[in-house]
């Protein structure tokens, strides 16, 4: 029976291999192929639909933040710094921005700093835009009804005023070389305060329209942590001794359009890298644990961590103090020349 099942699976794979060149010729045939032979994207498609519903139900607000407010305020900021700046801009979304700001200020759990930033940018926008325009004028009247007096201002600033640093390229490369995927840790607890310190660096990572639609879920329950550590590929043999385990989770409900479905992976990966580098400066070692797109595995992880389907795991990160005698794979890296390519040219080196 086992041999027969294996034979059938091999035959099906051979059949699909022969068909793929034909189904790959057009987008319509490709969709038909996956409908008939491979349901790999079905779970993700369902997650995206649920995310759109959640976005609509929340009117662009998620828990302690609003992706819609953050996006639109960032768009206003970009309009304010434009050279030359137009006398009137943002006509297609200024009312939407004031509407969501009005909703956000009524929410007790929205981060205060977000409201400070939004209020500061809206105030500046109405100061520089011609309020004689009917859309701008009407939006300003609505804004005046909800304007809050905050203690501080969060406004665009000149490049010369940005935070200065004293790190040179060699120091940065040394830090990057020091950060390696460590799999053997000491059996001592990682203080939560150190995790929060490293997350300070993660919050400074670039993010599409500053939405930061991700979270770092620290799994504290030991039984849940052991189960979660065995879910990613490549953790066999060392999963039982991971001191701290974080799940990096992207929130698809921050985006109303399918075109943005990959942003959670880009943004959360940028933040994860800064988090891991920050851990290195604190004397902590990390290991990024790969998370493949397997819907059965996604379901198991979502059930274990009590995640709605529209919240997608991007990766897990193991954190701890490196075991001194524990070895690290050499993992030879590509050269800068191999990474740098040029459009329209073939590398001959």
Protein backbone atom coordinates (compact mmCIF):
# COMPACT_ATOMS: atom_id res chain seq x y z
CA UNK A 1 0.00 0.00 0.00
CA UNK A 2 2.83 2.40 0.88
CA UNK A 3 4.63 1.60 -2.38
CA UNK A 4 1.40 2.10 -4.36
CA UNK A 5 0.80 5.49 -2.69
CA UNK A 6 4.37 6.55 -3.45
CA UNK A 7 3.97 5.45 -7.08
CA UNK A 8 0.74 7.47 -7.43
CA UNK A 9 2.39 10.60 -5.97
CA UNK A 10 5.35 10.26 -8.36
CA UNK A 11 2.97 9.80 -11.30
CA UNK A 12 0.96 12.90 -10.34
CA UNK A 13 4.13 14.97 -10.03
CA UNK A 14 5.35 13.75 -13.43
CA UNK A 15 1.96 14.60 -14.97
CA UNK A 16 2.06 18.11 -13.49
CA UNK A 17 5.64 18.59 -14.65
CA UNK A 18 4.58 17.87 -18.22
CA UNK A 19 1.63 20.29 -17.99
CA UNK A 20 3.37 23.24 -16.32
CA UNK A 21 4.95 24.72 -19.49
CA UNK A 22 1.48 25.01 -21.05
CA UNK A 23 -0.25 26.48 -18.01
CA UNK A 24 2.60 28.97 -17.52
CA UNK A 25 1.90 30.67 -20.88
CA UNK A 26 -0.81 33.05 -19.58
CA UNK A 27 -1.95 34.40 -16.23
CA UNK A 28 -5.40 32.88 -16.71
CA UNK A 29 -3.98 29.40 -17.36
CA UNK A 30 -1.66 29.79 -14.38
CA UNK A 31 -4.62 30.54 -12.11
CA UNK A 32 -6.40 27.52 -13.56
CA UNK A 33 -3.35 25.34 -12.85
CA UNK A 34 -3.31 26.28 -9.19
CA UNK A 35 -7.08 25.84 -8.95
CA UNK A 36 -6.85 22.32 -10.38
CA UNK A 37 -3.57 20.98 -9.04
CA UNK A 38 -2.15 23.05 -6.20
CA UNK A 39 -4.01 24.79 -3.37
CA UNK A 40 -0.88 26.41 -1.90
CA UNK A 41 -2.23 29.95 -2.23
CA UNK A 42 -5.76 29.21 -1.03
CA UNK A 43 -5.08 29.89 2.66
CA UNK A 44 -3.31 33.16 1.84
CA UNK A 45 -6.15 34.27 -0.44
CA UNK A 46 -8.67 33.59 2.30
CA UNK A 47 -6.47 35.51 4.76
CA UNK A 48 -6.39 38.53 2.42
CA UNK A 49 -10.20 38.53 2.07
CA UNK A 50 -10.62 38.31 5.85
CA UNK A 51 -8.09 41.15 6.21
CA UNK A 52 -10.10 43.37 3.85
CA UNK A 53 -13.22 42.70 5.92
CA UNK A 54 -11.37 43.46 9.14
CA UNK A 55 -9.98 46.68 7.68
CA UNK A 56 -13.45 47.78 6.63
CA UNK A 57 -15.03 46.84 9.96
CA UNK A 58 -12.36 48.74 11.89
CA UNK A 59 -12.47 51.69 9.47
CA UNK A 60 -8.70 51.56 9.12
CA UNK A 61 -8.01 51.28 12.88
CA UNK A 62 -6.28 48.27 14.42
CA UNK A 63 -5.98 47.90 18.21
CA UNK A 64 -3.63 50.64 19.47
CA UNK A 65 -2.82 52.10 16.07
CA UNK A 66 -4.49 53.15 12.84
CA UNK A 67 -2.76 52.14 9.63
CA UNK A 68 -4.99 54.50 7.66
CA UNK A 69 -4.14 57.48 9.88
CA UNK A 70 -0.42 56.67 9.85
CA UNK A 71 -0.42 56.26 6.06
CA UNK A 72 -2.31 59.46 5.33
CA UNK A 73 -0.39 61.57 7.81
CA UNK A 74 2.84 60.32 6.25
CA UNK A 75 1.47 61.27 2.82
CA UNK A 76 0.71 64.75 4.14
CA UNK A 77 4.26 64.99 5.49
CA UNK A 78 5.66 64.14 2.07
CA UNK A 79 3.48 66.85 0.56
CA UNK A 80 4.69 69.37 3.13
CA UNK A 81 8.37 68.71 2.35
CA UNK A 82 7.90 68.79 -1.44
CA UNK A 83 10.17 71.25 -3.29
CA UNK A 84 8.48 73.37 -4.49
CA UNK A 85 5.45 72.75 -2.30
CA UNK A 86 2.09 73.09 -4.01
CA UNK A 87 -0.38 75.62 -2.61
CA UNK A 88 -3.07 72.94 -2.50
CA UNK A 89 -2.53 69.18 -2.28
CA UNK A 90 -4.07 66.02 -0.76
CA UNK A 91 -7.55 66.89 -1.99
CA UNK A 92 -8.34 63.24 -2.63
CA UNK A 93 -7.66 62.10 0.93
CA UNK A 94 -7.69 65.05 3.35
CA UNK A 95 -11.34 64.46 4.38
CA UNK A 96 -10.61 60.77 4.90
CA UNK A 97 -7.64 61.74 7.07
CA UNK A 98 -9.67 64.09 9.26
CA UNK A 99 -12.41 61.46 9.54
CA UNK A 100 -10.05 58.77 10.80
CA UNK A 101 -8.27 61.25 13.10
CA UNK A 102 -11.67 62.06 14.60
CA UNK A 103 -12.27 58.36 15.23
CA UNK A 104 -8.77 57.79 16.62
CA UNK A 105 -8.94 60.56 19.25
CA UNK A 106 -12.05 58.90 20.66
CA UNK A 107 -10.23 55.59 21.14
CA UNK A 108 -8.72 55.24 24.61
CA UNK A 109 -6.05 52.77 23.48
CA UNK A 110 -4.54 54.65 20.50
CA UNK A 111 -0.90 55.54 21.17
CA UNK A 112 -0.61 59.14 22.35
CA UNK A 113 2.48 59.79 20.22
CA UNK A 114 0.51 58.87 17.08
CA UNK A 115 -2.14 61.45 17.94
CA UNK A 116 0.53 64.09 18.66
CA UNK A 117 2.13 63.44 15.29
CA UNK A 118 -1.18 63.42 13.41
CA UNK A 119 -2.40 66.61 15.06
CA UNK A 120 0.89 68.39 14.37
CA UNK A 121 0.86 67.51 10.67
CA UNK A 122 -2.81 68.35 10.21
CA UNK A 123 -2.33 71.70 11.90
CA UNK A 124 0.62 72.53 9.64
CA UNK A 125 -1.28 71.34 6.56
CA UNK A 126 -4.17 73.71 7.22
CA UNK A 127 -1.74 76.54 7.94
CA UNK A 128 -0.06 76.28 4.53
CA UNK A 129 -2.97 75.13 2.31
CA UNK A 130 -5.44 77.60 0.84
CA UNK A 131 -8.58 77.22 2.93
CA UNK A 132 -10.58 79.06 0.27
CA UNK A 133 -10.72 75.76 -1.59
CA UNK A 134 -14.04 74.12 -0.67
CA UNK A 135 -12.56 70.69 0.16
CA UNK A 136 -9.74 72.15 2.26
CA UNK A 137 -12.09 74.60 3.96
CA UNK A 138 -14.68 71.96 4.82
CA UNK A 139 -12.00 69.61 6.17
CA UNK A 140 -10.53 72.42 8.27
CA UNK A 141 -13.91 73.18 9.82
CA UNK A 142 -14.27 69.51 10.73
CA UNK A 143 -10.71 69.45 12.12
CA UNK A 144 -11.38 72.51 14.29
CA UNK A 145 -14.16 70.62 16.06
CA UNK A 146 -11.80 67.83 17.13
CA UNK A 147 -8.42 69.62 17.39
CA UNK A 148 -6.56 68.71 20.53
CA UNK A 149 -3.90 70.78 22.26
CA UNK A 150 -0.90 68.52 22.67
CA UNK A 151 2.24 69.46 24.58
CA UNK A 152 4.78 68.71 21.87
CA UNK A 153 5.12 68.95 18.10
CA UNK A 154 6.08 66.23 15.63
CA UNK A 155 6.90 68.01 12.39
CA UNK A 156 9.22 67.46 9.41
CA UNK A 157 12.77 68.71 10.00
CA UNK A 158 15.89 69.49 7.98
CA UNK A 159 18.48 66.86 7.18
CA UNK A 160 21.00 68.79 9.28
CA UNK A 161 18.77 68.31 12.33
CA UNK A 162 18.55 64.52 12.21
CA UNK A 163 20.06 62.44 15.00
CA UNK A 164 23.84 62.23 14.63
CA UNK A 165 25.94 59.11 15.11
CA UNK A 166 29.64 58.25 15.39
CA UNK A 167 29.57 54.79 13.79
CA UNK A 168 31.80 54.29 10.75
CA UNK A 169 31.45 51.67 8.03
CA UNK A 170 34.07 49.34 9.51
CA UNK A 171 32.33 49.34 12.87
CA UNK A 172 29.01 48.60 11.20
CA UNK A 173 30.49 45.74 9.16
CA UNK A 174 32.06 44.32 12.34
CA UNK A 175 28.65 44.38 14.02
CA UNK A 176 27.10 42.63 11.01
CA UNK A 177 29.85 39.99 11.05
CA UNK A 178 29.40 39.49 14.78
CA UNK A 179 25.71 38.82 14.28
CA UNK A 180 25.49 35.21 13.28
CA UNK A 181 22.76 32.61 13.62
CA UNK A 182 23.47 31.06 17.01
CA UNK A 183 21.70 27.82 17.84
CA UNK A 184 23.20 26.88 21.20
CA UNK A 185 22.35 29.01 24.21
CA UNK A 186 23.00 29.20 27.91
CA UNK A 187 20.12 28.11 30.09
CA UNK A 188 19.46 31.54 31.58
CA UNK A 189 16.52 33.81 31.12
CA UNK A 190 16.59 36.81 28.79
CA UNK A 191 15.32 39.91 30.64
CA UNK A 192 12.24 41.40 29.00
CA UNK A 193 13.81 44.84 29.43
CA UNK A 194 16.56 43.83 26.99
CA UNK A 195 13.99 42.67 24.44
CA UNK A 196 12.28 46.05 24.73
CA UNK A 197 15.62 47.84 24.28
CA UNK A 198 16.28 45.92 21.08
CA UNK A 199 12.76 46.69 19.86
CA UNK A 200 13.59 50.40 20.17
CA UNK A 201 15.93 49.84 17.23
CA UNK A 202 13.30 47.80 15.38
CA UNK A 203 10.79 50.65 15.55
CA UNK A 204 13.23 52.90 13.64
CA UNK A 205 13.22 50.62 10.57
CA UNK A 206 11.73 52.03 7.36
CA UNK A 207 8.11 51.06 6.75
CA UNK A 208 5.77 51.62 3.80
CA UNK A 209 3.88 54.85 4.59
CA UNK A 210 5.01 54.39 8.21
CA UNK A 211 2.24 51.87 8.90
CA UNK A 212 4.49 49.44 10.82
CA UNK A 213 1.88 46.72 10.44
CA UNK A 214 3.71 44.05 12.42
CA UNK A 215 4.31 42.93 15.98
CA UNK A 216 6.91 40.90 17.85
CA UNK A 217 5.07 38.28 19.90
CA UNK A 218 7.12 37.10 22.90
CA UNK A 219 6.04 33.54 23.71
CA UNK A 220 6.36 33.25 27.50
CA UNK A 221 4.38 30.08 28.21
CA UNK A 222 6.96 27.27 28.28
CA UNK A 223 4.70 24.61 26.82
CA UNK A 224 3.54 26.87 23.98
CA UNK A 225 7.12 27.94 23.36
CA UNK A 226 8.31 24.33 23.03
CA UNK A 227 5.53 23.56 20.56
CA UNK A 228 6.11 26.76 18.57
CA UNK A 229 9.88 26.21 18.41
CA UNK A 230 9.31 22.88 16.66
CA UNK A 231 7.08 24.35 13.95
CA UNK A 232 9.68 26.18 11.78
CA UNK A 233 11.96 24.19 9.53
CA UNK A 234 15.53 23.65 10.66
CA UNK A 235 15.03 23.71 14.44
CA UNK A 236 15.40 19.97 15.00
CA UNK A 237 17.97 19.24 17.69
CA UNK A 238 18.14 22.67 19.31
CA UNK A 239 14.52 23.82 19.66
CA UNK A 240 14.23 22.58 23.25
CA UNK A 241 16.89 24.94 24.62
CA UNK A 242 15.81 28.30 23.13
CA UNK A 243 15.57 30.75 26.06
CA UNK A 244 13.35 33.37 24.38
CA UNK A 245 11.25 32.89 21.25
CA UNK A 246 9.51 35.64 19.34
CA UNK A 247 7.05 35.31 16.49
CA UNK A 248 7.23 38.18 14.01
CA UNK A 249 3.63 38.68 12.89
CA UNK A 250 2.40 40.84 10.01
CA UNK A 251 -1.12 42.28 10.05
CA UNK A 252 -2.78 42.15 6.64
CA UNK A 253 -5.79 44.08 7.98
CA UNK A 254 -3.67 47.24 7.76
CA UNK A 255 -4.10 47.20 3.97
CA UNK A 256 -7.35 47.51 2.01
CA UNK A 257 -5.80 46.46 -1.32
CA UNK A 258 -4.31 43.17 -2.55
CA UNK A 259 -1.41 45.07 -4.10
CA UNK A 260 0.00 45.61 -0.59
CA UNK A 261 -0.16 41.96 0.52
CA UNK A 262 3.64 41.57 0.50
CA UNK A 263 4.38 44.73 2.47
CA UNK A 264 4.10 42.88 5.80
CA UNK A 265 7.03 40.67 4.77
CA UNK A 266 9.21 43.57 3.62
CA UNK A 267 8.54 45.87 6.56
CA UNK A 268 8.72 43.27 9.30
CA UNK A 269 11.95 41.84 7.84
CA UNK A 270 13.57 45.28 7.90
CA UNK A 271 12.51 45.69 11.53
CA UNK A 272 13.67 42.15 12.39
CA UNK A 273 17.16 42.79 11.08
CA UNK A 274 17.50 45.93 13.17
CA UNK A 275 16.17 44.02 16.17
CA UNK A 276 18.77 41.27 15.74
CA UNK A 277 21.62 43.76 15.32
CA UNK A 278 20.44 45.57 18.44
CA UNK A 279 20.42 42.27 20.34
CA UNK A 280 24.05 41.79 19.34
CA UNK A 281 25.02 45.12 20.93
CA UNK A 282 23.31 43.99 24.16
CA UNK A 283 25.31 40.79 24.37
CA UNK A 284 22.43 38.65 23.11
CA UNK A 285 22.61 36.24 20.21
CA UNK A 286 19.80 35.45 17.77
CA UNK A 287 18.73 33.01 15.12
CA UNK A 288 16.14 33.87 12.47
CA UNK A 289 13.96 30.80 11.91
CA UNK A 290 12.57 30.35 8.42
CA UNK A 291 8.81 30.16 7.99
CA UNK A 292 7.63 28.55 4.72
CA UNK A 293 4.22 29.12 3.14
CA UNK A 294 2.50 25.86 4.13
CA UNK A 295 -1.15 26.38 4.96
CA UNK A 296 -1.40 23.42 7.34
CA UNK A 297 1.59 24.74 9.26
CA UNK A 298 0.09 28.24 9.21
CA UNK A 299 -3.12 26.87 10.68
CA UNK A 300 -1.29 25.02 13.43
CA UNK A 301 0.73 28.11 14.34
CA UNK A 302 -2.34 30.36 14.24
CA UNK A 303 -4.24 28.01 16.55
CA UNK A 304 -1.29 27.71 18.92
CA UNK A 305 -0.71 31.47 19.16
CA UNK A 306 -4.41 32.37 18.93
CA UNK A 307 -3.94 34.47 15.80
CA UNK A 308 -6.75 35.47 13.43
CA UNK A 309 -6.10 34.27 9.89
CA UNK A 310 -5.33 37.78 8.59
CA UNK A 311 -2.35 37.96 10.92
CA UNK A 312 0.49 36.13 9.21
CA UNK A 313 3.65 34.75 10.76
CA UNK A 314 6.69 36.07 8.87
CA UNK A 315 9.39 34.32 10.89
CA UNK A 316 10.38 33.25 14.38
CA UNK A 317 13.46 34.64 16.15
CA UNK A 318 15.34 32.74 18.85
CA UNK A 319 17.09 34.96 21.39
CA UNK A 320 19.51 34.10 24.18
CA UNK A 321 23.03 34.19 25.56
CA UNK A 322 25.35 32.22 23.29
CA UNK A 323 26.86 29.07 24.76
CA UNK A 324 30.63 29.65 24.77
CA UNK A 325 31.50 26.18 23.52
CA UNK A 326 28.62 26.14 21.05
CA UNK A 327 29.79 26.22 17.44
CA UNK A 328 28.48 28.44 14.62
CA UNK A 329 28.38 27.48 10.92
CA UNK A 330 30.91 29.41 8.82
CA UNK A 331 28.28 30.29 6.21
CA UNK A 332 30.41 31.92 3.51
CA UNK A 333 28.79 35.10 2.19
CA UNK A 334 28.60 36.42 -1.35
CA UNK A 335 31.00 39.17 -2.38
CA UNK A 336 29.71 42.74 -2.89
CA UNK A 337 30.57 42.36 -6.58
CA UNK A 338 28.30 39.32 -6.84
CA UNK A 339 25.42 41.23 -5.26
CA UNK A 340 25.72 44.30 -7.48
CA UNK A 341 24.13 43.85 -10.90
CA UNK A 342 23.24 46.23 -13.71
CA UNK A 343 20.03 46.25 -15.75
CA UNK A 344 20.56 45.22 -19.37
CA UNK A 345 24.08 43.93 -18.74
CA UNK A 346 25.36 40.44 -18.04
CA UNK A 347 28.05 40.06 -15.40
CA UNK A 348 31.17 38.69 -17.03
CA UNK A 349 33.44 38.63 -13.99
